[in-house]
N, C-alpha and C. Protein backbone atom coordinates (compact mmCIF):
# COMPACT_ATOMS: atom_id res chain seq x y z
N UNK A 1 3.78 -6.73 -51.06
CA UNK A 1 4.99 -6.35 -50.33
C UNK A 1 4.85 -4.94 -49.73
N UNK A 2 4.23 -4.02 -50.53
CA UNK A 2 4.06 -2.65 -50.04
C UNK A 2 3.18 -2.63 -48.78
N UNK A 3 2.12 -3.45 -48.78
CA UNK A 3 1.26 -3.52 -47.61
C UNK A 3 2.03 -4.02 -46.40
N UNK A 4 2.91 -4.99 -46.63
CA UNK A 4 3.72 -5.55 -45.55
C UNK A 4 4.66 -4.48 -44.98
N UNK A 5 5.30 -3.69 -45.87
CA UNK A 5 6.20 -2.63 -45.43
C UNK A 5 5.43 -1.56 -44.66
N UNK A 6 4.22 -1.23 -45.15
CA UNK A 6 3.39 -0.26 -44.44
C UNK A 6 3.01 -0.77 -43.05
N UNK A 7 2.72 -2.06 -42.99
CA UNK A 7 2.39 -2.67 -41.70
C UNK A 7 3.58 -2.57 -40.75
N UNK A 8 4.79 -2.84 -41.25
CA UNK A 8 5.98 -2.75 -40.42
C UNK A 8 6.21 -1.33 -39.93
N UNK A 9 5.97 -0.35 -40.80
CA UNK A 9 6.17 1.05 -40.41
C UNK A 9 5.19 1.48 -39.33
N UNK A 10 3.93 1.10 -39.50
CA UNK A 10 2.92 1.46 -38.51
C UNK A 10 3.20 0.78 -37.18
N UNK A 11 3.55 -0.52 -37.25
CA UNK A 11 3.82 -1.28 -36.03
C UNK A 11 5.04 -0.75 -35.30
N UNK A 12 6.04 -0.30 -36.04
CA UNK A 12 7.27 0.19 -35.43
C UNK A 12 7.05 1.46 -34.62
N UNK A 13 5.92 2.14 -34.86
CA UNK A 13 5.63 3.37 -34.12
C UNK A 13 4.83 3.10 -32.86
N UNK A 14 4.60 1.83 -32.55
CA UNK A 14 3.74 1.48 -31.42
C UNK A 14 4.46 1.35 -30.10
N UNK A 15 5.72 1.75 -30.03
CA UNK A 15 6.47 1.59 -28.78
C UNK A 15 5.84 2.29 -27.61
N UNK A 16 5.47 3.55 -27.81
CA UNK A 16 4.87 4.33 -26.73
C UNK A 16 3.50 3.79 -26.35
N UNK A 17 2.72 3.43 -27.36
CA UNK A 17 1.40 2.86 -27.09
C UNK A 17 1.53 1.54 -26.34
N UNK A 18 2.48 0.71 -26.77
CA UNK A 18 2.70 -0.58 -26.10
C UNK A 18 3.09 -0.40 -24.64
N UNK A 19 3.98 0.56 -24.36
CA UNK A 19 4.39 0.81 -22.98
C UNK A 19 3.21 1.25 -22.13
N UNK A 20 2.35 2.10 -22.69
CA UNK A 20 1.18 2.56 -21.93
C UNK A 20 0.18 1.43 -21.71
N UNK A 21 0.02 0.56 -22.70
CA UNK A 21 -0.88 -0.58 -22.52
C UNK A 21 -0.36 -1.52 -21.44
N UNK A 22 0.96 -1.75 -21.43
CA UNK A 22 1.56 -2.58 -20.38
C UNK A 22 1.37 -1.91 -19.03
N UNK A 23 1.54 -0.60 -19.00
CA UNK A 23 1.37 0.17 -17.75
C UNK A 23 -0.05 0.00 -17.20
N UNK A 24 -1.04 0.12 -18.07
CA UNK A 24 -2.43 -0.02 -17.65
C UNK A 24 -2.71 -1.45 -17.19
N UNK A 25 -2.17 -2.42 -17.94
CA UNK A 25 -2.39 -3.83 -17.58
C UNK A 25 -1.79 -4.15 -16.20
N UNK A 26 -0.58 -3.66 -15.95
CA UNK A 26 0.05 -3.91 -14.65
C UNK A 26 -0.74 -3.24 -13.53
N UNK A 27 -1.23 -2.04 -13.79
CA UNK A 27 -2.02 -1.34 -12.78
C UNK A 27 -3.30 -2.11 -12.46
N UNK A 28 -3.95 -2.65 -13.49
CA UNK A 28 -5.17 -3.43 -13.27
C UNK A 28 -4.88 -4.63 -12.38
N UNK A 29 -3.78 -5.33 -12.68
CA UNK A 29 -3.42 -6.51 -11.89
C UNK A 29 -3.18 -6.15 -10.44
N UNK A 30 -2.36 -5.12 -10.20
CA UNK A 30 -2.04 -4.75 -8.82
C UNK A 30 -3.27 -4.22 -8.08
N UNK A 31 -4.08 -3.40 -8.74
CA UNK A 31 -5.25 -2.83 -8.07
C UNK A 31 -6.29 -3.90 -7.77
N UNK A 32 -6.53 -4.77 -8.74
CA UNK A 32 -7.58 -5.79 -8.56
C UNK A 32 -7.17 -6.82 -7.52
N UNK A 33 -5.96 -7.38 -7.70
CA UNK A 33 -5.49 -8.38 -6.74
C UNK A 33 -5.29 -7.77 -5.36
N UNK A 34 -4.83 -6.52 -5.33
CA UNK A 34 -4.67 -5.84 -4.06
C UNK A 34 -5.99 -5.67 -3.33
N UNK A 35 -7.04 -5.32 -4.07
CA UNK A 35 -8.36 -5.17 -3.46
C UNK A 35 -8.88 -6.51 -2.94
N UNK A 36 -8.59 -7.59 -3.67
CA UNK A 36 -9.05 -8.92 -3.25
C UNK A 36 -8.37 -9.38 -1.96
N UNK A 37 -7.21 -8.79 -1.66
CA UNK A 37 -6.51 -9.18 -0.43
C UNK A 37 -7.31 -8.80 0.82
N UNK A 38 -8.34 -7.97 0.66
CA UNK A 38 -9.18 -7.60 1.79
C UNK A 38 -10.34 -8.58 1.96
N UNK A 39 -10.43 -9.58 1.07
CA UNK A 39 -11.49 -10.58 1.12
C UNK A 39 -10.92 -11.87 1.73
N UNK A 40 -11.62 -12.49 2.70
CA UNK A 40 -11.07 -13.65 3.40
C UNK A 40 -10.60 -14.79 2.50
N UNK A 41 -11.35 -15.13 1.44
CA UNK A 41 -10.96 -16.29 0.65
C UNK A 41 -9.60 -16.10 -0.01
N UNK A 42 -9.30 -14.87 -0.45
CA UNK A 42 -8.00 -14.60 -1.07
C UNK A 42 -6.90 -14.65 -0.02
N UNK A 43 -7.18 -14.11 1.16
CA UNK A 43 -6.20 -14.16 2.25
C UNK A 43 -5.91 -15.60 2.65
N UNK A 44 -6.96 -16.43 2.70
CA UNK A 44 -6.77 -17.85 3.03
C UNK A 44 -5.89 -18.54 1.99
N UNK A 45 -6.09 -18.19 0.72
CA UNK A 45 -5.41 -18.92 -0.37
C UNK A 45 -3.90 -18.71 -0.37
N UNK A 46 -3.43 -17.59 0.17
CA UNK A 46 -1.99 -17.34 0.16
C UNK A 46 -1.31 -17.84 1.43
N UNK A 47 -2.08 -18.47 2.31
CA UNK A 47 -1.51 -18.94 3.58
C UNK A 47 -0.31 -19.85 3.40
N UNK A 48 -0.35 -20.87 2.53
CA UNK A 48 0.84 -21.74 2.38
C UNK A 48 2.06 -20.98 1.90
N UNK A 49 1.87 -19.98 1.04
CA UNK A 49 2.99 -19.22 0.50
C UNK A 49 3.68 -18.41 1.60
N UNK A 50 2.87 -17.73 2.40
CA UNK A 50 3.42 -16.87 3.45
C UNK A 50 3.98 -17.71 4.60
N UNK A 51 3.26 -18.75 4.99
CA UNK A 51 3.64 -19.56 6.15
C UNK A 51 4.99 -20.24 5.96
N UNK A 52 5.36 -20.54 4.73
CA UNK A 52 6.61 -21.27 4.49
C UNK A 52 7.73 -20.40 3.94
N UNK A 53 7.45 -19.12 3.84
CA UNK A 53 8.49 -18.20 3.36
C UNK A 53 9.40 -17.79 4.51
N UNK A 54 10.71 -17.94 4.35
CA UNK A 54 11.62 -17.58 5.45
C UNK A 54 11.64 -16.09 5.76
N UNK A 55 11.16 -15.26 4.83
CA UNK A 55 11.18 -13.81 5.06
C UNK A 55 9.79 -13.25 5.38
N UNK A 56 8.76 -14.10 5.36
CA UNK A 56 7.40 -13.60 5.59
C UNK A 56 6.64 -14.36 6.68
N UNK A 57 7.09 -15.53 7.03
CA UNK A 57 6.33 -16.37 7.97
C UNK A 57 6.15 -15.72 9.33
N UNK A 58 7.05 -14.81 9.71
CA UNK A 58 6.94 -14.19 11.04
C UNK A 58 5.71 -13.30 11.16
N UNK A 59 5.07 -12.97 10.03
CA UNK A 59 3.84 -12.18 10.10
C UNK A 59 2.68 -13.00 10.69
N UNK A 60 2.78 -14.32 10.61
CA UNK A 60 1.73 -15.20 11.13
C UNK A 60 2.04 -15.60 12.57
N UNK A 61 0.99 -15.79 13.35
CA UNK A 61 1.15 -16.22 14.74
C UNK A 61 1.49 -17.71 14.84
N UNK A 62 0.92 -18.53 13.93
CA UNK A 62 1.12 -19.98 13.98
C UNK A 62 1.40 -20.51 12.56
N UNK A 63 2.52 -20.13 11.96
CA UNK A 63 2.79 -20.50 10.57
C UNK A 63 2.91 -22.00 10.33
N UNK A 64 3.34 -22.77 11.33
CA UNK A 64 3.55 -24.20 11.13
C UNK A 64 2.27 -25.01 11.19
N UNK A 65 1.17 -24.39 11.58
CA UNK A 65 -0.09 -25.11 11.74
C UNK A 65 -1.08 -24.84 10.61
N UNK A 66 -0.64 -24.17 9.53
CA UNK A 66 -1.57 -23.71 8.51
C UNK A 66 -2.29 -24.85 7.78
N UNK A 67 -1.60 -25.98 7.55
CA UNK A 67 -2.13 -27.03 6.67
C UNK A 67 -3.48 -27.58 7.12
N UNK A 68 -3.66 -27.73 8.40
CA UNK A 68 -4.91 -28.31 8.91
C UNK A 68 -6.06 -27.31 8.97
N UNK A 69 -5.79 -26.08 8.54
CA UNK A 69 -6.83 -25.05 8.60
C UNK A 69 -7.16 -24.48 7.22
N UNK A 70 -6.71 -25.14 6.15
CA UNK A 70 -6.97 -24.67 4.79
C UNK A 70 -8.40 -25.00 4.36
N UNK A 71 -9.00 -24.11 3.58
CA UNK A 71 -10.33 -24.33 3.01
C UNK A 71 -10.27 -24.04 1.52
N UNK A 72 -11.28 -24.50 0.79
CA UNK A 72 -11.35 -24.24 -0.64
C UNK A 72 -11.98 -22.87 -0.89
N UNK A 73 -11.69 -22.30 -2.06
CA UNK A 73 -12.28 -21.01 -2.41
C UNK A 73 -13.80 -21.16 -2.47
N UNK A 74 -14.51 -20.24 -1.85
CA UNK A 74 -15.96 -20.29 -1.82
C UNK A 74 -16.53 -21.10 -0.66
N UNK A 75 -15.64 -21.77 0.07
CA UNK A 75 -16.08 -22.58 1.21
C UNK A 75 -15.97 -21.78 2.51
N UNK A 76 -17.02 -21.86 3.32
CA UNK A 76 -17.02 -21.18 4.61
C UNK A 76 -17.05 -22.20 5.74
N UNK A 77 -15.97 -22.24 6.50
CA UNK A 77 -15.88 -23.10 7.68
C UNK A 77 -15.58 -22.17 8.85
N UNK A 78 -16.59 -21.85 9.65
CA UNK A 78 -16.43 -20.83 10.70
C UNK A 78 -15.23 -21.04 11.62
N UNK A 79 -14.98 -22.29 12.02
CA UNK A 79 -13.87 -22.52 12.95
C UNK A 79 -12.51 -22.25 12.29
N UNK A 80 -12.43 -22.56 10.98
CA UNK A 80 -11.18 -22.27 10.27
C UNK A 80 -11.02 -20.78 10.03
N UNK A 81 -12.13 -20.12 9.76
CA UNK A 81 -12.09 -18.67 9.60
C UNK A 81 -11.63 -18.00 10.89
N UNK A 82 -12.08 -18.54 12.00
CA UNK A 82 -11.69 -18.01 13.31
C UNK A 82 -10.20 -18.22 13.56
N UNK A 83 -9.70 -19.41 13.16
CA UNK A 83 -8.27 -19.68 13.33
C UNK A 83 -7.43 -18.72 12.47
N UNK A 84 -7.87 -18.50 11.25
CA UNK A 84 -7.14 -17.59 10.36
C UNK A 84 -7.12 -16.18 10.93
N UNK A 85 -8.20 -15.79 11.56
CA UNK A 85 -8.25 -14.48 12.18
C UNK A 85 -7.21 -14.37 13.29
N UNK A 86 -7.14 -15.40 14.13
CA UNK A 86 -6.17 -15.41 15.23
C UNK A 86 -4.74 -15.54 14.72
N UNK A 87 -4.57 -16.11 13.54
CA UNK A 87 -3.24 -16.30 12.96
C UNK A 87 -2.69 -15.02 12.35
N UNK A 88 -3.48 -13.97 12.31
CA UNK A 88 -3.14 -12.70 11.65
C UNK A 88 -3.11 -12.85 10.13
N UNK A 89 -3.78 -13.87 9.62
CA UNK A 89 -3.85 -14.07 8.17
C UNK A 89 -4.49 -12.86 7.49
N UNK A 90 -5.55 -12.35 8.07
CA UNK A 90 -6.29 -11.27 7.44
C UNK A 90 -5.61 -9.92 7.64
N UNK A 91 -5.00 -9.73 8.79
CA UNK A 91 -4.26 -8.49 9.02
C UNK A 91 -3.10 -8.35 8.05
N UNK A 92 -2.34 -9.44 7.89
CA UNK A 92 -1.22 -9.40 6.95
C UNK A 92 -1.71 -9.20 5.53
N UNK A 93 -2.79 -9.90 5.15
CA UNK A 93 -3.31 -9.80 3.79
C UNK A 93 -3.77 -8.38 3.48
N UNK A 94 -4.40 -7.72 4.45
CA UNK A 94 -4.83 -6.34 4.23
C UNK A 94 -3.63 -5.41 4.04
N UNK A 95 -2.57 -5.65 4.81
CA UNK A 95 -1.36 -4.85 4.63
C UNK A 95 -0.75 -5.06 3.26
N UNK A 96 -0.70 -6.32 2.83
CA UNK A 96 -0.14 -6.64 1.51
C UNK A 96 -1.01 -6.03 0.41
N UNK A 97 -2.33 -6.12 0.59
CA UNK A 97 -3.23 -5.55 -0.38
C UNK A 97 -3.08 -4.04 -0.50
N UNK A 98 -2.87 -3.38 0.62
CA UNK A 98 -2.65 -1.93 0.60
C UNK A 98 -1.41 -1.58 -0.20
N UNK A 99 -0.32 -2.35 0.02
CA UNK A 99 0.92 -2.13 -0.72
C UNK A 99 0.70 -2.33 -2.22
N UNK A 100 -0.03 -3.38 -2.60
CA UNK A 100 -0.27 -3.65 -4.02
C UNK A 100 -1.11 -2.54 -4.65
N UNK A 101 -2.08 -2.03 -3.93
CA UNK A 101 -2.90 -0.93 -4.44
C UNK A 101 -2.06 0.33 -4.64
N UNK A 102 -1.17 0.59 -3.69
CA UNK A 102 -0.27 1.75 -3.82
C UNK A 102 0.60 1.60 -5.06
N UNK A 103 1.15 0.41 -5.29
CA UNK A 103 1.98 0.17 -6.47
C UNK A 103 1.17 0.41 -7.74
N UNK A 104 -0.05 -0.12 -7.76
CA UNK A 104 -0.91 0.08 -8.93
C UNK A 104 -1.18 1.55 -9.21
N UNK A 105 -1.45 2.32 -8.16
CA UNK A 105 -1.71 3.75 -8.32
C UNK A 105 -0.45 4.50 -8.78
N UNK A 106 0.71 4.10 -8.26
CA UNK A 106 1.95 4.72 -8.69
C UNK A 106 2.24 4.44 -10.16
N UNK A 107 1.98 3.22 -10.58
CA UNK A 107 2.18 2.87 -11.99
C UNK A 107 1.29 3.74 -12.88
N UNK A 108 0.03 3.90 -12.50
CA UNK A 108 -0.90 4.73 -13.27
C UNK A 108 -0.53 6.21 -13.22
N UNK A 109 0.09 6.64 -12.14
CA UNK A 109 0.39 8.06 -11.97
C UNK A 109 1.42 8.56 -12.98
N UNK A 110 2.03 7.67 -13.73
CA UNK A 110 2.98 8.08 -14.75
C UNK A 110 2.36 9.07 -15.74
N UNK A 111 1.05 8.98 -15.93
CA UNK A 111 0.38 9.86 -16.88
C UNK A 111 0.34 11.31 -16.39
N UNK A 112 0.58 11.53 -15.09
CA UNK A 112 0.62 12.90 -14.55
C UNK A 112 1.98 13.23 -13.95
N UNK A 113 2.76 12.21 -13.58
CA UNK A 113 4.08 12.43 -13.00
C UNK A 113 5.01 11.30 -13.40
N UNK A 114 5.99 11.61 -14.23
CA UNK A 114 6.94 10.59 -14.69
C UNK A 114 7.73 10.00 -13.52
N UNK A 115 8.08 10.84 -12.56
CA UNK A 115 8.89 10.35 -11.43
C UNK A 115 8.12 9.35 -10.58
N UNK A 116 6.84 9.64 -10.32
CA UNK A 116 6.02 8.69 -9.57
C UNK A 116 5.81 7.41 -10.38
N UNK A 117 5.63 7.57 -11.69
CA UNK A 117 5.47 6.40 -12.55
C UNK A 117 6.72 5.54 -12.56
N UNK A 118 7.87 6.19 -12.53
CA UNK A 118 9.14 5.45 -12.47
C UNK A 118 9.25 4.69 -11.16
N UNK A 119 8.83 5.32 -10.07
CA UNK A 119 8.84 4.64 -8.76
C UNK A 119 7.89 3.44 -8.79
N UNK A 120 6.72 3.61 -9.38
CA UNK A 120 5.79 2.48 -9.51
C UNK A 120 6.37 1.34 -10.32
N UNK A 121 7.06 1.68 -11.40
CA UNK A 121 7.71 0.65 -12.20
C UNK A 121 8.80 -0.07 -11.44
N UNK A 122 9.55 0.69 -10.63
CA UNK A 122 10.61 0.09 -9.83
C UNK A 122 10.05 -0.89 -8.81
N UNK A 123 8.97 -0.49 -8.12
CA UNK A 123 8.34 -1.37 -7.13
C UNK A 123 7.72 -2.60 -7.78
N UNK A 124 7.10 -2.41 -8.94
CA UNK A 124 6.50 -3.55 -9.63
C UNK A 124 7.58 -4.48 -10.19
N UNK A 125 8.80 -3.97 -10.37
CA UNK A 125 9.92 -4.80 -10.81
C UNK A 125 10.41 -5.70 -9.69
N UNK A 126 10.48 -5.17 -8.47
CA UNK A 126 10.99 -5.94 -7.34
C UNK A 126 9.97 -6.94 -6.79
N UNK A 127 8.69 -6.63 -6.91
CA UNK A 127 7.65 -7.49 -6.35
C UNK A 127 7.72 -8.94 -6.85
N UNK A 128 7.90 -9.19 -8.15
CA UNK A 128 7.95 -10.59 -8.61
C UNK A 128 9.08 -11.41 -8.02
N UNK A 129 10.16 -10.77 -7.61
CA UNK A 129 11.25 -11.53 -7.01
C UNK A 129 10.80 -12.21 -5.72
N UNK A 130 9.90 -11.53 -4.99
CA UNK A 130 9.36 -12.12 -3.76
C UNK A 130 8.44 -13.28 -4.11
N UNK A 131 7.50 -13.04 -5.02
CA UNK A 131 6.52 -14.08 -5.35
C UNK A 131 7.18 -15.28 -6.04
N UNK A 132 8.14 -15.05 -6.90
CA UNK A 132 8.80 -16.16 -7.59
C UNK A 132 9.62 -17.00 -6.62
N UNK A 133 10.04 -16.42 -5.51
CA UNK A 133 10.78 -17.19 -4.51
C UNK A 133 9.91 -18.28 -3.89
N UNK A 134 8.58 -18.13 -3.99
CA UNK A 134 7.68 -19.15 -3.44
C UNK A 134 7.84 -20.48 -4.16
N UNK A 135 8.32 -20.46 -5.41
CA UNK A 135 8.55 -21.71 -6.15
C UNK A 135 9.61 -22.55 -5.45
N UNK A 136 10.47 -21.90 -4.69
CA UNK A 136 11.53 -22.61 -3.97
C UNK A 136 11.07 -22.99 -2.57
N UNK A 137 10.32 -22.11 -1.92
CA UNK A 137 10.00 -22.30 -0.51
C UNK A 137 8.69 -23.03 -0.25
N UNK A 138 7.82 -23.11 -1.26
CA UNK A 138 6.48 -23.67 -1.04
C UNK A 138 6.29 -24.96 -1.85
N UNK A 139 6.25 -26.12 -1.20
CA UNK A 139 6.02 -27.39 -1.92
C UNK A 139 4.70 -27.41 -2.68
N UNK A 140 3.69 -26.67 -2.19
CA UNK A 140 2.38 -26.67 -2.84
C UNK A 140 2.38 -26.04 -4.23
N UNK A 141 3.49 -25.42 -4.64
CA UNK A 141 3.54 -24.84 -5.98
C UNK A 141 3.83 -25.90 -7.03
N UNK A 142 4.12 -27.13 -6.60
CA UNK A 142 4.37 -28.26 -7.52
C UNK A 142 3.32 -29.34 -7.29
N UNK A 143 3.00 -30.08 -8.32
CA UNK A 143 2.01 -31.15 -8.21
C UNK A 143 2.50 -32.17 -7.17
N UNK A 144 1.61 -32.52 -6.25
CA UNK A 144 1.96 -33.45 -5.18
C UNK A 144 2.04 -34.89 -5.70
N UNK A 145 2.86 -35.69 -5.05
CA UNK A 145 3.01 -37.11 -5.42
C UNK A 145 1.88 -37.92 -4.78
N UNK A 146 0.75 -38.00 -5.50
CA UNK A 146 -0.43 -38.70 -4.98
C UNK A 146 -0.78 -39.93 -5.81
N UNK A 147 0.17 -40.39 -6.60
CA UNK A 147 -0.07 -41.59 -7.40
C UNK A 147 0.19 -41.40 -8.88
N UNK A 148 -0.02 -40.20 -9.38
CA UNK A 148 0.23 -39.93 -10.79
C UNK A 148 1.74 -39.83 -11.03
N UNK A 149 2.16 -40.19 -12.24
CA UNK A 149 3.59 -40.17 -12.55
C UNK A 149 4.12 -38.75 -12.67
N UNK A 150 3.23 -37.81 -13.02
CA UNK A 150 3.66 -36.43 -13.22
C UNK A 150 3.48 -35.64 -11.91
N UNK A 151 4.56 -35.45 -11.21
CA UNK A 151 4.52 -34.67 -9.97
C UNK A 151 5.88 -34.05 -9.73
N UNK A 152 5.93 -33.05 -8.87
CA UNK A 152 7.19 -32.36 -8.62
C UNK A 152 7.60 -31.52 -9.82
N UNK A 153 8.85 -31.06 -9.82
CA UNK A 153 9.37 -30.27 -10.94
C UNK A 153 9.37 -31.10 -12.22
N UNK A 154 8.96 -30.57 -13.38
CA UNK A 154 8.54 -29.19 -13.66
C UNK A 154 7.02 -29.02 -13.68
N UNK A 155 6.29 -29.87 -12.99
CA UNK A 155 4.83 -29.86 -13.07
C UNK A 155 4.23 -28.89 -12.06
N UNK A 156 3.92 -27.70 -12.54
CA UNK A 156 3.40 -26.64 -11.69
C UNK A 156 1.97 -26.94 -11.25
N UNK A 157 1.69 -26.71 -9.99
CA UNK A 157 0.33 -26.85 -9.47
C UNK A 157 -0.45 -25.57 -9.77
N UNK A 158 -1.67 -25.51 -9.25
CA UNK A 158 -2.47 -24.29 -9.44
C UNK A 158 -1.75 -23.07 -8.87
N UNK A 159 -1.17 -23.24 -7.68
CA UNK A 159 -0.40 -22.14 -7.09
C UNK A 159 0.80 -21.80 -7.96
N UNK A 160 1.50 -22.81 -8.43
CA UNK A 160 2.70 -22.59 -9.23
C UNK A 160 2.39 -21.90 -10.55
N UNK A 161 1.30 -22.31 -11.19
CA UNK A 161 0.93 -21.70 -12.47
C UNK A 161 0.58 -20.23 -12.29
N UNK A 162 -0.01 -19.90 -11.16
CA UNK A 162 -0.32 -18.50 -10.87
C UNK A 162 0.95 -17.69 -10.65
N UNK A 163 1.90 -18.26 -9.93
CA UNK A 163 3.12 -17.54 -9.59
C UNK A 163 4.02 -17.33 -10.80
N UNK A 164 4.14 -18.33 -11.67
CA UNK A 164 5.07 -18.23 -12.80
C UNK A 164 4.69 -17.08 -13.74
N UNK A 165 3.42 -16.68 -13.70
CA UNK A 165 2.98 -15.57 -14.55
C UNK A 165 3.59 -14.24 -14.11
N UNK A 166 4.16 -14.21 -12.91
CA UNK A 166 4.80 -12.98 -12.46
C UNK A 166 6.06 -12.65 -13.26
N UNK A 167 6.55 -13.62 -14.03
CA UNK A 167 7.67 -13.30 -14.92
C UNK A 167 7.25 -12.25 -15.95
N UNK A 168 5.97 -12.27 -16.32
CA UNK A 168 5.44 -11.26 -17.26
C UNK A 168 5.42 -9.89 -16.59
N UNK A 169 5.04 -9.85 -15.31
CA UNK A 169 5.06 -8.59 -14.57
C UNK A 169 6.49 -8.05 -14.49
N UNK A 170 7.44 -8.94 -14.26
CA UNK A 170 8.84 -8.55 -14.18
C UNK A 170 9.30 -7.91 -15.49
N UNK A 171 8.99 -8.56 -16.61
CA UNK A 171 9.38 -8.03 -17.91
C UNK A 171 8.65 -6.73 -18.23
N UNK A 172 7.35 -6.68 -17.91
CA UNK A 172 6.59 -5.47 -18.16
C UNK A 172 7.09 -4.29 -17.36
N UNK A 173 7.53 -4.55 -16.13
CA UNK A 173 8.06 -3.48 -15.28
C UNK A 173 9.31 -2.86 -15.90
N UNK A 174 10.15 -3.69 -16.52
CA UNK A 174 11.35 -3.17 -17.19
C UNK A 174 10.95 -2.22 -18.32
N UNK A 175 9.93 -2.60 -19.08
CA UNK A 175 9.48 -1.77 -20.21
C UNK A 175 8.97 -0.42 -19.73
N UNK A 176 8.13 -0.41 -18.68
CA UNK A 176 7.56 0.87 -18.25
C UNK A 176 8.60 1.73 -17.54
N UNK A 177 9.56 1.10 -16.84
CA UNK A 177 10.64 1.88 -16.23
C UNK A 177 11.47 2.55 -17.31
N UNK A 178 11.81 1.81 -18.36
CA UNK A 178 12.61 2.36 -19.45
C UNK A 178 11.87 3.50 -20.14
N UNK A 179 10.57 3.33 -20.33
CA UNK A 179 9.77 4.37 -20.98
C UNK A 179 9.73 5.64 -20.13
N UNK A 180 9.50 5.49 -18.81
CA UNK A 180 9.48 6.65 -17.92
C UNK A 180 10.84 7.34 -17.89
N UNK A 181 11.90 6.57 -17.78
CA UNK A 181 13.25 7.13 -17.72
C UNK A 181 13.60 7.87 -19.01
N UNK A 182 13.23 7.28 -20.15
CA UNK A 182 13.53 7.92 -21.44
C UNK A 182 12.83 9.27 -21.56
N UNK A 183 11.56 9.31 -21.14
CA UNK A 183 10.80 10.56 -21.25
C UNK A 183 11.31 11.61 -20.25
N UNK A 184 11.74 11.17 -19.09
CA UNK A 184 12.32 12.11 -18.13
C UNK A 184 13.60 12.73 -18.68
N UNK A 185 14.43 11.91 -19.32
CA UNK A 185 15.66 12.43 -19.92
C UNK A 185 15.35 13.41 -21.05
N UNK A 186 14.35 13.09 -21.87
CA UNK A 186 13.97 13.99 -22.97
C UNK A 186 13.46 15.32 -22.43
N UNK A 187 12.68 15.26 -21.35
CA UNK A 187 12.17 16.48 -20.75
C UNK A 187 13.30 17.33 -20.19
N UNK A 188 14.30 16.69 -19.59
CA UNK A 188 15.44 17.43 -19.04
C UNK A 188 16.24 18.09 -20.16
N UNK A 189 16.42 17.36 -21.27
CA UNK A 189 17.17 17.91 -22.39
C UNK A 189 16.45 19.09 -23.03
N UNK A 190 15.12 19.02 -23.07
CA UNK A 190 14.34 20.07 -23.73
C UNK A 190 14.36 21.39 -22.95
N UNK A 191 14.61 21.32 -21.64
CA UNK A 191 14.64 22.55 -20.82
C UNK A 191 16.05 22.88 -20.37
N UNK A 192 17.04 22.25 -20.97
CA UNK A 192 18.42 22.49 -20.59
C UNK A 192 18.82 23.92 -20.95
N UNK A 193 19.29 24.73 -19.98
CA UNK A 193 19.63 26.13 -20.26
C UNK A 193 20.86 26.25 -21.15
N UNK A 194 20.90 27.31 -21.94
CA UNK A 194 22.05 27.57 -22.81
C UNK A 194 23.14 28.24 -21.99
N UNK A 195 24.31 27.66 -21.95
CA UNK A 195 25.42 28.18 -21.15
C UNK A 195 26.15 29.27 -21.94
N UNK A 196 26.80 30.20 -21.23
CA UNK A 196 27.58 31.25 -21.93
C UNK A 196 28.65 30.67 -22.83
N UNK A 197 29.24 29.55 -22.43
CA UNK A 197 30.28 28.93 -23.25
C UNK A 197 29.74 28.49 -24.58
N UNK A 198 28.47 28.08 -24.58
CA UNK A 198 27.87 27.62 -25.84
C UNK A 198 27.52 28.80 -26.74
N UNK A 199 27.29 29.99 -26.15
CA UNK A 199 26.89 31.16 -26.94
C UNK A 199 28.11 31.90 -27.48
N UNK A 200 29.21 31.91 -26.72
CA UNK A 200 30.38 32.72 -27.04
C UNK A 200 30.95 32.47 -28.43
N UNK A 201 31.12 31.22 -28.90
CA UNK A 201 31.69 31.00 -30.23
C UNK A 201 30.87 31.63 -31.33
N UNK A 202 29.53 31.53 -31.21
CA UNK A 202 28.69 32.08 -32.26
C UNK A 202 28.81 33.60 -32.32
N UNK A 203 28.93 34.25 -31.11
CA UNK A 203 29.09 35.71 -31.09
C UNK A 203 30.40 36.14 -31.74
N UNK A 204 31.43 35.33 -31.49
CA UNK A 204 32.72 35.63 -32.09
C UNK A 204 32.68 35.58 -33.59
N UNK A 205 32.00 34.64 -34.15
CA UNK A 205 31.92 34.50 -35.60
C UNK A 205 31.18 35.69 -36.21
N UNK A 206 30.10 36.15 -35.54
CA UNK A 206 29.33 37.26 -36.06
C UNK A 206 30.17 38.53 -36.09
N UNK A 207 30.99 38.72 -35.02
CA UNK A 207 31.84 39.92 -34.94
C UNK A 207 32.88 39.91 -36.04
N UNK A 208 33.44 38.72 -36.31
CA UNK A 208 34.47 38.59 -37.34
C UNK A 208 33.92 38.91 -38.71
N UNK A 209 32.68 38.48 -38.92
CA UNK A 209 32.08 38.75 -40.23
C UNK A 209 31.87 40.25 -40.43
């Protein structure tokens, strides 16, 4: 029992460590995936998500024609690559990748600036709302009806399984925002100036004595 209590005590002190581990993990995800957005195969893979999104499809030149130009990861089809180039698939992907890299760097910057870290946490909190919306707007996030009995909701496809993991990013962002905010408040309290009103009562007591 004593070992169990000791374990609970040690584990209970891991809040700060846990927040920093989540912070590093989120930064790795944003930096790595953001960098991959500059590679054609990754840009191609998000085409169905962007093309069918009511708030993002305007970035593409021909969003309604994407289906006939899809390729598999690792597959090179020059004519399809050329179409994706003309569709602004790669231009948009590079812009998105830049944004994700910035978010990752902001999340990491918490170790030198709490305010920048808080901003990174805020941006990483809002990002999943966009990606999770693809579950509603993109049919490819659900298993297609091709003969098997298991299709549609709740059977997530490869795209859907990737997107649903953003719920973890959403939760992690809340943790790192709370950690940054708590430390900012503690720092403000530690440098709070002593007001004359706070000093006056103590001076009065000393005089009376």
